[in-house]
Amino acid sequence: MKTYKKSETINAKIFESGDEDGMSCIPFVSICKWKNKEGKYKDCKNCTLDIKKQPYINILNDKWFGEWESNYLCIDTNGNRSLVDKNVFEHTYEEVR
């Protein structure tokens, strides 16, 4: 096995309320009655289920779920966004000054 080091510089910040693209209860529900014509889940704006909603960001037509203050929102040099667990991020990246 070889050892690798990340060399790309990224922009990142703690994932906070307002950074999300939407809120959804999908991680907590196996069947959702709110689907669009294509069979994909809608955003939960009109959902009547009394279930905790979780923030997400859209990545490649999919939802990536995270927790505020427990994830970093990262943007690479190509503008691609991701959510990285706070502990993993803080052990993997060091601030460039």
Protein backbone atom coordinates (compact mmCIF):
# COMPACT_ATOMS: atom_id res chain seq x y z
CA MET A 1 0.00 0.00 0.00
CA LYS A 2 1.27 3.47 -0.89
CA THR A 3 0.91 6.68 1.13
CA TYR A 4 -0.71 9.73 -0.48
CA LYS A 5 -0.94 13.41 0.44
CA LYS A 6 -3.55 15.89 -0.75
CA SER A 7 -1.96 18.77 -2.63
CA GLU A 8 -5.01 20.69 -3.85
CA THR A 9 -5.91 23.97 -2.20
CA ILE A 10 -9.61 24.34 -1.36
CA ASN A 11 -11.89 26.93 0.17
CA ALA A 12 -13.85 25.73 3.17
CA LYS A 13 -16.03 26.88 6.02
CA ILE A 14 -18.11 25.29 8.74
CA PHE A 15 -21.49 24.23 7.28
CA GLU A 16 -24.06 26.60 8.79
CA SER A 17 -27.74 27.42 8.41
CA GLY A 18 -28.12 29.28 5.12
CA ASP A 19 -25.40 27.27 3.33
CA GLU A 20 -27.81 24.45 2.45
CA ASP A 21 -29.59 24.07 -0.89
CA GLY A 22 -32.63 22.63 0.88
CA MET A 23 -33.99 20.61 3.78
CA SER A 24 -35.27 17.04 3.56
CA CYS A 25 -36.36 14.21 5.81
CA ILE A 26 -35.30 11.55 3.28
CA PRO A 27 -32.48 10.09 5.43
CA PHE A 28 -35.08 9.32 8.09
CA VAL A 29 -37.96 8.06 5.90
CA SER A 30 -37.96 4.92 3.75
CA ILE A 31 -41.06 5.89 1.73
CA CYS A 32 -41.87 9.48 0.87
CA LYS A 33 -45.23 10.46 -0.60
CA TRP A 34 -43.85 13.69 -2.05
CA LYS A 35 -42.33 12.72 -5.42
CA ASN A 36 -42.23 14.73 -8.63
CA LYS A 37 -43.26 13.46 -12.11
CA GLU A 38 -39.83 11.85 -12.64
CA GLY A 39 -40.17 9.88 -9.38
CA LYS A 40 -37.55 11.93 -7.55
CA TYR A 41 -38.22 13.34 -4.12
CA LYS A 42 -39.36 16.94 -3.91
CA ASP A 43 -37.86 19.51 -1.64
CA CYS A 44 -39.72 19.38 1.66
CA LYS A 45 -41.30 22.83 1.45
CA ASN A 46 -44.83 21.40 1.15
CA CYS A 47 -44.30 18.24 3.18
CA THR A 48 -46.90 17.58 5.86
CA LEU A 49 -44.90 14.91 7.69
CA ASP A 50 -43.91 15.98 11.19
CA ILE A 51 -40.35 14.66 10.89
CA LYS A 52 -37.01 16.34 11.56
CA LYS A 53 -35.56 17.76 8.36
CA GLN A 54 -31.85 17.58 7.57
CA PRO A 55 -29.90 20.11 5.46
CA TYR A 56 -28.35 19.07 2.16
CA ILE A 57 -26.40 20.45 -0.78
CA ASN A 58 -26.94 19.38 -4.39
CA ILE A 59 -24.05 17.53 -6.00
CA LEU A 60 -24.38 15.99 -9.47
CA ASN A 61 -28.20 15.80 -9.30
CA ASP A 62 -28.07 14.13 -5.89
CA LYS A 63 -28.49 15.32 -2.33
CA TRP A 64 -25.53 15.19 0.06
CA PHE A 65 -26.74 15.45 3.62
CA GLY A 66 -24.81 17.02 6.46
CA GLU A 67 -25.25 18.48 9.89
CA TRP A 68 -24.72 22.12 10.69
CA GLU A 69 -21.54 22.70 12.71
CA SER A 70 -20.53 19.01 12.21
CA ASN A 71 -19.40 19.33 8.58
CA TYR A 72 -17.26 21.62 6.50
CA LEU A 73 -18.59 22.95 3.20
CA CYS A 74 -15.64 22.62 0.79
CA ILE A 75 -15.21 24.09 -2.68
CA ASP A 76 -12.32 22.84 -4.83
CA THR A 77 -10.47 24.75 -7.55
CA ASN A 78 -13.01 23.56 -10.16
CA GLY A 79 -15.93 24.93 -8.13
CA ASN A 80 -17.12 21.47 -7.04
CA ARG A 81 -18.71 21.46 -3.60
CA SER A 82 -18.69 18.74 -0.97
CA LEU A 83 -19.44 18.21 2.69
CA VAL A 84 -16.66 16.74 4.82
CA ASP A 85 -17.03 15.53 8.39
CA LYS A 86 -15.51 18.11 10.75
CA ASN A 87 -13.14 15.63 12.43
CA VAL A 88 -11.93 14.23 9.11
CA PHE A 89 -11.45 17.74 7.69
CA GLU A 90 -9.49 19.01 10.68
CA HIS A 91 -7.17 15.98 10.57
CA THR A 92 -6.73 16.16 6.79
CA TYR A 93 -6.35 19.85 5.97
CA GLU A 94 -4.25 22.65 7.41
CA GLU A 95 -4.96 26.32 6.88
CA VAL A 96 -2.91 28.14 4.24
CA ARG A 97 -1.76 31.54 5.44
